Amino acid sequence: MAVESIKSTNTDSLVLCYKRRKRRRIIEEKPNDPIQIDIEKLPDALLFEVLYRLPCRRALQYKSVSKRWCSLISHPQFVRSYIHHRHQFSNDGDGDGLDFLNFLPNIERARKGYTFSIEASFNDLLLVYSEVPKSLSRFWHLGPVFRVYCICNPLTKQWITLPCLPFPKSNRVVLVGFICNPYSCDKEQGCTTNADYSYKVVRILSPTESNATHIHMQIFSSDTDEWCDSLVSSPRGLNPFHIRSSNAGVVACNGMLHWVDENDRTIKGFVVFDPFNEAQGCRYVDPPSDLCLGDFVYLGVFQGRLRIFQKPFFQNHCNFSVWELEDYNNAGKWCLKYKVYFKDMVSEHTDLVKIAKKISPPGSLLAFHPNVGEIVFLQFHNYIVLCNMRTKVLTMAGRLRDRGRILAGNTSLEAYNVYAKHVFIVGQSSWPTPVPLPLKREWDFLLTLAKVASKLEERKELRATIAANTSSEV
């Protein structure tokens, strides 16, 4: 599910559209009169409109044209306008929530009830999981399937499909993480070419027993373009995954993957793993000392800092808390940032206030705002809500169809939430990340092109020989 965090005004663009239409009418009336425009004489607002319609790489190259162009293209509003122009998400309640993924090949199967879910995200890249039946019979759901992962960018509509999983399907609970390792990415522009970084997809299989000193992982690396089995050590005993671990998912922060370790329905701590340095194994972060270990927790990130969204297990405790891990590199220290009571919430939308005042308010975390630390996105039934944790003000941000059933993986449950692991933020002030293409696949693609070109050349020579023999016979 996409959550758009930046609202841009279209007043200037409407005026400019009117001017363009007027100019086109003039051209139609006098088609033989050449019109020459000195682009440097255009006002900043109009040049701005021209430049953000360029392809991403071309726009970055044009920063070297002049100081003025560099200043315009480097402005944060330019990036937001670029993203807004490239992809506008519909807030229409008639959609099924997957309109922003219409470019994916398996999207229609998801709409028909096939297994489909957003497993993880990293910046504006999504990791999408789907199952494709090997048989087209009407009993496809009982037969074997291809388990397919796809990495895509909804802003640029680029996507690639990873090789099918070579491992047999397991009944164990699996948590999935996705993380990129930038080699030479600009801090402001991010990664502008897929040669700037590598990535890994990590499937973490639930331990089969408590206090396990090793955990089984299946890791895909873009460097090798292959899946591999790994057995990773842990300094503390890890426990089988249950509802708290599954709901929280896996979060990437500071180049590490994080997930919840629980046992006997209580939170034991948080596991940290660096997939680019497997030999180090896992490390462990203890929970806050004041955290009620029986509560539900959801993981998130705010500007490079790991956060916990804590919600009481007993629904009659109508509040939630947000914790933040400070001094991350030196074991860390948890700090309680906010504790919010639903009864104190206010809004100009009466429906939201009524939901908040209920005995068991449903507010669950969708995402932390990427730029404003006191704002979170919450789900109130079918509503997407912006909650200011300091002022307690609720603002309507959008709606979900069927409470996001299809976004949560086509679950059959009547009551469910869209968890934060299925959500990503749109509108961050960085350039769209290119979908990574492993070098092996690029090379295979080039080899295929070379073979095709060679065959075409052979056919061309054969036709020339036949034509020459025919003419000599005549």
Protein backbone atom coordinates (compact mmCIF):
# COMPACT_ATOMS: atom_id res chain seq x y z
CA MET A 1 0.00 0.00 0.00
CA ALA A 2 1.27 3.43 -0.85
CA VAL A 3 0.95 6.28 1.61
CA GLU A 4 1.56 9.70 0.07
CA SER A 5 3.13 11.99 2.64
CA ILE A 6 3.47 15.17 0.61
CA LYS A 7 0.60 17.13 -0.82
CA SER A 8 1.55 19.53 -3.62
CA THR A 9 -0.53 22.38 -4.92
CA ASN A 10 -1.40 22.50 -8.62
CA THR A 11 -2.23 26.21 -8.94
CA ASP A 12 0.92 27.08 -10.89
CA SER A 13 0.64 24.04 -13.11
CA LEU A 14 -2.96 24.92 -14.00
CA VAL A 15 -1.94 28.39 -15.07
CA LEU A 16 0.94 27.02 -17.10
CA CYS A 17 -1.31 24.47 -18.77
CA TYR A 18 -3.60 27.28 -19.84
CA LYS A 19 -0.66 29.16 -21.34
CA ARG A 20 0.48 26.09 -23.24
CA ARG A 21 -2.97 25.54 -24.69
CA LYS A 22 -3.13 29.17 -25.75
CA ARG A 23 0.28 28.89 -27.40
CA ARG A 24 -0.82 25.81 -29.33
CA ARG A 25 -3.82 27.70 -30.72
CA ILE A 26 -1.48 30.44 -31.97
CA ILE A 27 0.71 27.85 -33.67
CA GLU A 28 -2.32 26.34 -35.42
CA GLU A 29 -3.40 29.72 -36.72
CA LYS A 30 0.07 30.58 -38.10
CA PRO A 31 1.78 27.29 -38.93
CA ASN A 32 4.33 28.84 -41.28
CA ASP A 33 5.72 31.35 -38.75
CA PRO A 34 8.74 29.86 -36.94
CA ILE A 35 8.73 30.44 -33.19
CA GLN A 36 12.09 30.49 -31.44
CA ILE A 37 12.24 30.62 -27.66
CA ASP A 38 15.38 31.33 -25.67
CA ILE A 39 15.00 28.82 -22.82
CA GLU A 40 17.24 30.92 -20.59
CA LYS A 41 14.69 33.73 -20.72
CA LEU A 42 11.94 31.50 -19.29
CA PRO A 43 10.94 32.33 -15.70
CA ASP A 44 11.99 29.83 -13.02
CA ALA A 45 8.45 28.50 -12.57
CA LEU A 46 8.11 27.60 -16.27
CA LEU A 47 11.64 26.20 -16.58
CA PHE A 48 10.88 24.14 -13.47
CA GLU A 49 7.85 22.66 -15.24
CA VAL A 50 9.96 21.76 -18.27
CA LEU A 51 12.85 20.17 -16.41
CA TYR A 52 10.92 17.81 -14.12
CA ARG A 53 9.37 16.16 -17.20
CA LEU A 54 12.81 14.90 -18.25
CA PRO A 55 13.94 11.31 -17.58
CA CYS A 56 15.68 10.95 -14.21
CA ARG A 57 19.21 10.37 -15.51
CA ARG A 58 18.91 13.16 -18.11
CA ALA A 59 17.72 15.63 -15.48
CA LEU A 60 20.74 14.83 -13.31
CA GLN A 61 23.07 15.33 -16.27
CA TYR A 62 21.54 18.72 -17.03
CA LYS A 63 22.61 20.04 -13.63
CA SER A 64 25.96 20.81 -15.28
CA VAL A 65 24.41 23.11 -17.93
CA SER A 66 24.45 26.20 -15.72
CA LYS A 67 24.34 27.34 -12.11
CA ARG A 68 20.67 28.23 -12.53
CA TRP A 69 19.73 24.77 -13.79
CA CYS A 70 21.79 23.15 -11.05
CA SER A 71 20.01 25.24 -8.42
CA LEU A 72 16.54 24.34 -9.77
CA ILE A 73 17.20 20.62 -10.14
CA SER A 74 18.86 20.40 -6.71
CA HIS A 75 15.89 22.03 -4.97
CA PRO A 76 13.90 19.58 -2.75
CA GLN A 77 10.63 20.73 -4.35
CA PHE A 78 11.99 19.64 -7.74
CA VAL A 79 12.33 16.04 -6.56
CA ARG A 80 8.84 16.05 -5.03
CA SER A 81 7.35 17.50 -8.22
CA TYR A 82 9.27 14.96 -10.30
CA ILE A 83 7.85 12.07 -8.28
CA HIS A 84 4.35 13.58 -8.27
CA HIS A 85 4.47 14.01 -12.06
CA ARG A 86 5.81 10.50 -12.70
CA HIS A 87 3.25 8.75 -10.54
CA GLN A 88 0.07 10.01 -8.92
CA PHE A 89 -1.67 7.54 -6.62
CA SER A 90 -5.42 7.50 -6.74
CA ASN A 91 -7.39 8.25 -3.58
CA ASP A 92 -10.55 6.97 -5.19
CA GLY A 93 -12.32 4.55 -2.90
CA ASP A 94 -13.51 2.48 -5.88
CA GLY A 95 -10.01 1.07 -6.45
CA ASP A 96 -8.83 -2.22 -4.98
CA GLY A 97 -5.62 -0.79 -3.54
CA LEU A 98 -3.36 -2.31 -6.20
CA ASP A 99 -3.75 0.30 -8.94
CA PHE A 100 -0.22 1.55 -8.31
CA LEU A 101 1.10 -1.95 -9.25
CA ASN A 102 -0.84 -2.35 -12.51
CA PHE A 103 2.41 -2.68 -14.45
CA LEU A 104 3.33 -5.99 -12.76
CA PRO A 105 2.63 -9.17 -14.79
CA ASN A 106 0.97 -11.11 -11.94
CA ILE A 107 -1.31 -8.33 -10.74
CA GLU A 108 -4.46 -9.77 -12.36
CA ARG A 109 -3.87 -13.10 -10.62
CA ALA A 110 -3.76 -11.26 -7.31
CA ARG A 111 -7.15 -9.71 -8.05
CA LYS A 112 -8.52 -13.21 -8.67
CA GLY A 113 -7.48 -14.42 -5.22
CA TYR A 114 -4.02 -15.87 -5.85
CA THR A 115 -1.47 -15.43 -3.06
CA PHE A 116 0.08 -11.98 -3.39
CA SER A 117 1.63 -9.60 -0.87
CA ILE A 118 4.12 -6.80 -0.40
CA GLU A 119 6.68 -8.52 1.81
CA ALA A 120 9.12 -5.67 2.43
CA SER A 121 10.34 -2.33 1.14
CA PHE A 122 13.57 -0.38 1.03
CA ASN A 123 13.17 3.32 0.28
CA ASP A 124 10.94 3.33 -2.82
CA LEU A 125 11.72 -0.25 -3.89
CA LEU A 126 9.17 -2.95 -3.07
CA LEU A 127 9.64 -6.69 -2.65
CA VAL A 128 6.46 -8.39 -3.88
CA TYR A 129 5.69 -12.08 -3.37
CA SER A 130 3.24 -14.09 -5.47
CA GLU A 131 2.42 -17.71 -6.14
CA VAL A 132 1.78 -18.93 -9.68
CA PRO A 133 0.22 -22.40 -10.07
CA LYS A 134 2.08 -24.91 -12.19
CA SER A 135 -1.28 -26.30 -13.32
CA LEU A 136 -4.17 -24.30 -14.79
CA SER A 137 -6.81 -26.74 -13.53
CA ARG A 138 -9.66 -25.52 -11.38
CA PHE A 139 -7.95 -27.14 -8.37
CA TRP A 140 -4.84 -24.95 -8.78
CA HIS A 141 -4.93 -23.97 -5.10
CA LEU A 142 -4.32 -27.60 -4.08
CA GLY A 143 -1.42 -28.22 -6.45
CA PRO A 144 2.24 -27.18 -6.66
CA VAL A 145 3.07 -23.55 -7.31
CA PHE A 146 5.98 -21.40 -8.43
CA ARG A 147 6.97 -19.04 -5.59
CA VAL A 148 8.07 -15.81 -7.20
CA TYR A 149 9.63 -12.65 -5.75
CA CYS A 150 9.63 -9.44 -7.72
CA ILE A 151 11.44 -6.15 -7.02
CA CYS A 152 9.75 -3.07 -8.42
CA ASN A 153 9.62 0.71 -8.18
CA PRO A 154 6.04 2.06 -8.45
CA LEU A 155 7.38 5.54 -9.24
CA THR A 156 9.30 4.51 -12.37
CA LYS A 157 7.28 1.32 -13.06
CA GLN A 158 10.47 -0.69 -13.42
CA TRP A 159 10.53 -4.28 -12.19
CA ILE A 160 12.53 -7.50 -12.27
CA THR A 161 11.66 -11.05 -11.22
CA LEU A 162 14.07 -13.04 -9.08
CA PRO A 163 14.83 -16.69 -9.89
CA CYS A 164 12.24 -19.08 -8.48
CA LEU A 165 13.00 -20.45 -5.05
CA PRO A 166 14.96 -23.70 -5.44
CA PHE A 167 13.95 -24.92 -1.97
CA PRO A 168 10.90 -27.09 -1.20
CA LYS A 169 7.97 -25.29 0.37
CA SER A 170 8.02 -25.47 4.16
CA ASN A 171 5.23 -25.24 6.72
CA ARG A 172 7.44 -23.15 8.99
CA VAL A 173 6.68 -19.46 9.46
CA VAL A 174 8.98 -17.32 7.30
CA LEU A 175 9.93 -13.67 7.86
CA VAL A 176 11.27 -11.82 4.81
CA GLY A 177 13.76 -8.95 4.76
CA PHE A 178 14.99 -6.79 1.88
CA ILE A 179 18.00 -4.47 2.06
CA CYS A 180 20.29 -2.59 -0.33
CA ASN A 181 23.97 -1.87 0.15
CA PRO A 182 24.96 1.42 -1.53
CA TYR A 183 28.45 1.54 -2.97
CA SER A 184 28.69 5.13 -4.20
CA CYS A 185 25.28 6.73 -3.76
CA ASP A 186 24.97 10.48 -3.37
CA LYS A 187 23.54 11.47 0.02
CA GLU A 188 21.00 13.84 -1.55
CA GLN A 189 20.23 12.14 -4.87
CA GLY A 190 20.45 8.55 -3.68
CA CYS A 191 21.33 5.75 -6.12
CA THR A 192 20.78 6.93 -9.70
CA THR A 193 22.11 3.84 -11.50
CA ASN A 194 21.73 0.17 -10.64
CA ALA A 195 25.53 -0.19 -10.67
CA ASP A 196 25.70 1.92 -7.51
CA TYR A 197 24.53 -0.77 -5.12
CA SER A 198 23.82 -4.44 -4.50
CA TYR A 199 20.90 -5.95 -2.61
CA LYS A 200 19.87 -9.06 -0.70
CA VAL A 201 16.55 -10.74 -0.03
CA VAL A 202 16.59 -12.76 3.20
CA ARG A 203 14.02 -15.44 4.09
CA ILE A 204 14.30 -16.18 7.83
CA LEU A 205 12.80 -19.55 8.76
CA SER A 206 11.27 -19.95 12.19
CA PRO A 207 13.38 -22.03 14.61
CA THR A 208 11.85 -25.44 15.26
CA GLU A 209 12.62 -25.30 18.99
CA SER A 210 13.17 -22.75 21.74
CA ASN A 211 16.61 -21.36 22.60
CA ALA A 212 18.05 -22.27 19.21
CA THR A 213 21.68 -21.11 18.83
CA HIS A 214 21.45 -21.10 15.02
CA ILE A 215 18.77 -19.91 12.64
CA HIS A 216 18.13 -21.12 9.09
CA MET A 217 18.04 -18.47 6.33
CA GLN A 218 17.59 -18.54 2.56
CA ILE A 219 19.42 -15.57 1.03
CA PHE A 220 19.36 -14.17 -2.50
CA SER A 221 22.31 -11.99 -3.49
CA SER A 222 22.38 -9.70 -6.52
CA ASP A 223 26.15 -10.24 -6.70
CA THR A 224 25.74 -13.94 -7.49
CA ASP A 225 22.15 -13.89 -8.83
CA GLU A 226 21.46 -17.05 -6.81
CA TRP A 227 19.65 -18.27 -3.72
CA CYS A 228 21.73 -19.99 -1.07
CA ASP A 229 21.11 -21.77 2.24
CA SER A 230 22.72 -20.31 5.34
CA LEU A 231 22.88 -21.32 8.99
CA VAL A 232 23.54 -18.20 11.05
CA SER A 233 24.70 -18.27 14.67
CA SER A 234 23.19 -16.23 17.51
CA PRO A 235 24.71 -15.27 20.88
CA ARG A 236 21.35 -15.90 22.55
CA GLY A 237 18.84 -18.67 22.08
CA LEU A 238 16.16 -17.73 19.53
CA ASN A 239 12.55 -18.90 19.64
CA PRO A 240 9.93 -19.97 17.10
CA PHE A 241 8.01 -17.16 15.39
CA HIS A 242 4.48 -16.44 16.58
CA ILE A 243 1.93 -13.68 16.07
CA ARG A 244 4.06 -10.80 17.40
CA SER A 245 7.05 -11.71 15.24
CA SER A 246 4.89 -12.24 12.15
CA ASN A 247 2.95 -8.99 12.56
CA ALA A 248 6.07 -6.89 13.14
CA GLY A 249 7.92 -8.37 10.15
CA VAL A 250 11.51 -7.44 9.29
CA VAL A 251 12.75 -3.84 9.20
CA ALA A 252 15.95 -2.54 7.58
CA CYS A 253 17.78 0.18 9.54
CA ASN A 254 21.41 1.31 9.42
CA GLY A 255 22.35 -1.49 7.03
CA MET A 256 20.92 -4.19 9.35
CA LEU A 257 17.76 -6.30 9.43
CA HIS A 258 15.69 -6.33 12.65
CA TRP A 259 12.89 -8.60 13.86
CA VAL A 260 11.12 -9.53 17.10
CA ASP A 261 12.08 -12.52 19.24
CA GLU A 262 9.25 -13.83 21.43
CA ASN A 263 8.51 -16.81 23.62
CA ASP A 264 5.37 -17.81 25.53
CA ARG A 265 3.54 -14.77 24.08
CA THR A 266 6.05 -12.35 25.53
CA ILE A 267 8.70 -10.23 23.84
CA LYS A 268 12.24 -11.35 24.64
CA GLY A 269 14.13 -8.83 22.53
CA PHE A 270 15.06 -7.80 19.01
CA VAL A 271 17.39 -9.70 16.69
CA VAL A 272 19.82 -7.76 14.48
CA PHE A 273 21.49 -9.28 11.40
CA ASP A 274 23.85 -7.89 8.75
CA PRO A 275 23.24 -9.92 5.55
CA PHE A 276 26.37 -8.44 3.94
CA ASN A 277 28.51 -9.89 6.72
CA GLU A 278 26.98 -13.26 7.56
CA ALA A 279 30.05 -14.48 9.41
CA GLN A 280 29.34 -12.09 12.29
CA GLY A 281 26.06 -13.87 12.96
CA CYS A 282 23.15 -12.22 14.75
CA ARG A 283 23.29 -9.84 17.66
CA TYR A 284 20.65 -9.01 20.23
CA VAL A 285 19.02 -5.80 21.51
CA ASP A 286 17.13 -5.98 24.79
CA PRO A 287 13.64 -4.39 24.92
CA PRO A 288 12.96 -1.22 26.94
CA SER A 289 12.88 -1.95 30.65
CA ASP A 290 9.40 -0.40 30.98
CA LEU A 291 7.93 -2.18 27.94
CA CYS A 292 5.04 -4.48 28.79
CA LEU A 293 6.38 -7.70 27.28
CA GLY A 294 2.92 -9.08 26.55
CA ASP A 295 1.91 -6.15 24.30
CA PHE A 296 1.93 -6.07 20.51
CA VAL A 297 4.82 -4.18 18.91
CA TYR A 298 5.48 -2.97 15.38
CA LEU A 299 8.88 -1.92 14.08
CA GLY A 300 9.63 1.15 11.99
CA VAL A 301 12.31 3.69 11.14
CA PHE A 302 12.46 7.45 11.50
CA GLN A 303 15.44 9.16 9.85
CA GLY A 304 17.81 6.27 10.47
CA ARG A 305 16.61 5.51 14.01
CA LEU A 306 14.81 2.30 14.94
CA ARG A 307 11.38 2.80 16.51
CA ILE A 308 8.85 0.61 18.32
CA PHE A 309 5.12 1.21 18.17
CA GLN A 310 3.68 -0.47 21.29
CA LYS A 311 -0.02 -1.28 21.61
CA PRO A 312 -1.49 -3.03 24.69
CA PHE A 313 -2.58 -6.62 24.28
CA PHE A 314 -5.76 -5.94 26.27
CA GLN A 315 -8.03 -3.79 24.13
CA ASN A 316 -9.52 -1.94 27.11
CA HIS A 317 -6.15 -0.18 27.54
CA CYS A 318 -6.83 2.54 24.96
CA ASN A 319 -3.38 3.96 24.27
CA PHE A 320 -0.20 3.41 22.33
CA SER A 321 3.46 4.31 22.92
CA VAL A 322 6.41 5.04 20.64
CA TRP A 323 9.97 4.14 21.67
CA GLU A 324 13.18 5.14 19.87
CA LEU A 325 16.59 3.50 20.03
CA GLU A 326 19.27 6.12 20.66
CA ASP A 327 23.04 5.66 20.36
CA TYR A 328 22.47 2.74 17.99
CA ASN A 329 26.13 1.87 17.39
CA ASN A 330 26.98 1.51 21.10
CA ALA A 331 24.45 -1.11 22.24
CA GLY A 332 21.74 1.57 22.23
CA LYS A 333 19.36 3.02 24.76
CA TRP A 334 15.59 3.05 24.44
CA CYS A 335 13.81 6.37 24.95
CA LEU A 336 10.03 6.76 25.33
CA LYS A 337 9.11 9.48 22.84
CA TYR A 338 5.30 9.53 23.06
CA LYS A 339 2.43 7.92 24.95
CA VAL A 340 -0.95 8.75 23.42
CA TYR A 341 -4.46 8.04 24.74
CA PHE A 342 -7.20 7.63 22.18
CA LYS A 343 -9.72 9.43 24.40
CA ASP A 344 -7.68 12.65 24.06
CA MET A 345 -7.77 12.67 20.26
CA VAL A 346 -9.60 15.42 18.35
CA SER A 347 -10.46 15.88 14.69
CA GLU A 348 -12.71 17.86 12.37
CA HIS A 349 -13.93 14.48 11.05
CA THR A 350 -16.54 13.24 13.52
CA ASP A 351 -16.26 9.64 12.30
CA LEU A 352 -12.62 9.50 13.36
CA VAL A 353 -13.43 10.86 16.82
CA LYS A 354 -16.20 8.28 17.28
CA ILE A 355 -13.80 5.46 16.37
CA ALA A 356 -11.12 6.81 18.72
CA LYS A 357 -13.57 7.05 21.63
CA LYS A 358 -14.69 3.43 21.35
CA ILE A 359 -13.98 0.98 24.14
CA SER A 360 -11.59 -0.90 21.86
CA PRO A 361 -10.22 1.58 19.31
CA PRO A 362 -8.63 -0.16 16.31
CA GLY A 363 -5.73 2.25 15.65
CA SER A 364 -2.79 0.20 14.36
CA LEU A 365 0.46 1.49 12.91
CA LEU A 366 0.86 1.82 9.16
CA ALA A 367 4.04 3.92 9.06
CA PHE A 368 6.06 6.61 10.75
CA HIS A 369 6.15 9.91 8.87
CA PRO A 370 9.58 10.13 7.16
CA ASN A 371 10.19 13.80 7.99
CA VAL A 372 8.06 14.73 11.02
CA GLY A 373 8.84 12.72 14.14
CA GLU A 374 5.58 13.46 15.94
CA ILE A 375 3.33 12.15 13.13
CA VAL A 376 2.31 8.55 12.45
CA PHE A 377 0.00 6.94 9.90
CA LEU A 378 -2.68 4.79 11.57
CA GLN A 379 -5.41 2.51 10.30
CA PHE A 380 -8.90 3.18 11.67
CA HIS A 381 -11.05 0.48 10.03
CA ASN A 382 -11.17 1.60 6.37
CA TYR A 383 -9.58 4.98 7.09
CA ILE A 384 -5.92 5.96 6.74
CA VAL A 385 -5.31 8.59 9.42
CA LEU A 386 -2.51 11.03 10.17
CA CYS A 387 -2.07 11.29 13.94
CA ASN A 388 -0.06 14.09 15.52
CA MET A 389 1.15 12.48 18.72
CA ARG A 390 1.97 15.83 20.32
CA THR A 391 -1.28 17.74 19.60
CA LYS A 392 -3.50 14.58 19.46
CA VAL A 393 -5.07 15.86 16.20
CA LEU A 394 -6.33 13.28 13.67
CA THR A 395 -6.39 14.11 9.95
CA MET A 396 -7.99 12.04 7.20
CA ALA A 397 -5.37 10.85 4.70
CA GLY A 398 -7.28 8.28 2.62
CA ARG A 399 -9.38 5.12 2.60
CA LEU A 400 -8.89 1.40 2.19
CA ARG A 401 -11.21 -0.96 0.37
CA ASP A 402 -12.29 -3.99 2.45
CA ARG A 403 -9.82 -2.88 5.16
CA GLY A 404 -6.96 -3.65 2.78
CA ARG A 405 -7.72 -7.37 2.45
CA ILE A 406 -5.87 -7.74 -0.84
CA LEU A 407 -2.93 -5.71 0.49
CA ALA A 408 -2.61 -8.02 3.48
CA GLY A 409 -2.12 -11.01 1.21
CA ASN A 410 -5.73 -11.96 0.32
CA THR A 411 -6.34 -13.18 3.86
CA SER A 412 -9.61 -14.96 4.52
CA LEU A 413 -10.05 -13.50 8.00
CA GLU A 414 -12.98 -11.16 8.56
CA ALA A 415 -11.11 -8.89 10.98
CA TYR A 416 -7.56 -7.94 10.14
CA ASN A 417 -5.18 -5.03 9.80
CA VAL A 418 -2.73 -3.93 7.15
CA TYR A 419 0.54 -4.16 9.03
CA ALA A 420 3.43 -1.74 8.62
CA LYS A 421 5.44 -4.33 6.68
CA HIS A 422 2.93 -4.00 3.80
CA VAL A 423 3.25 -0.19 3.65
CA PHE A 424 5.74 2.17 2.04
CA ILE A 425 6.00 5.94 1.96
CA VAL A 426 5.78 8.05 -1.22
CA GLY A 427 7.21 11.55 -1.49
CA GLN A 428 10.58 11.30 0.21
CA SER A 429 13.01 13.97 -1.00
CA SER A 430 15.35 11.75 -3.00
CA TRP A 431 15.46 10.60 -6.59
CA PRO A 432 13.60 7.38 -7.50
CA THR A 433 15.86 4.38 -6.96
CA PRO A 434 16.52 2.41 -10.18
CA VAL A 435 15.50 -1.23 -10.03
CA PRO A 436 18.74 -3.22 -9.71
CA LEU A 437 19.67 -5.49 -12.59
CA PRO A 438 22.28 -8.13 -11.66
CA LEU A 439 25.35 -8.16 -13.88
CA LYS A 440 24.83 -11.82 -14.71
CA ARG A 441 21.44 -11.12 -16.20
CA GLU A 442 22.76 -8.12 -18.10
CA TRP A 443 25.47 -10.36 -19.54
CA ASP A 444 23.00 -13.12 -20.39
CA PHE A 445 20.80 -10.52 -22.07
CA LEU A 446 23.76 -9.27 -24.12
CA LEU A 447 24.68 -12.83 -25.09
CA THR A 448 21.10 -13.43 -26.23
CA LEU A 449 21.21 -10.27 -28.33
CA ALA A 450 24.52 -11.35 -29.81
CA LYS A 451 23.12 -14.77 -30.75
CA VAL A 452 20.05 -13.19 -32.35
CA ALA A 453 22.23 -10.75 -34.29
CA SER A 454 24.48 -13.60 -35.42
CA LYS A 455 21.51 -15.62 -36.69
CA LEU A 456 20.12 -12.59 -38.52
CA GLU A 457 23.51 -12.05 -40.15
CA GLU A 458 23.66 -15.71 -41.22
CA ARG A 459 20.19 -15.46 -42.74
CA LYS A 460 21.19 -12.28 -44.54
CA GLU A 461 24.30 -13.95 -46.01
CA LEU A 462 22.26 -17.01 -46.99
CA ARG A 463 19.70 -14.87 -48.81
CA ALA A 464 22.48 -12.99 -50.59
CA THR A 465 24.05 -16.30 -51.70
CA ILE A 466 20.71 -17.64 -52.97
CA ALA A 467 20.03 -14.40 -54.85
CA ALA A 468 23.51 -14.49 -56.43
CA ASN A 469 23.09 -18.14 -57.54
CA THR A 470 19.65 -17.39 -58.96
CA SER A 471 20.91 -14.43 -61.00
CA SER A 472 23.87 -16.44 -62.37
CA GLU A 473 21.55 -19.22 -63.52
CA VAL A 474 19.35 -16.72 -65.33
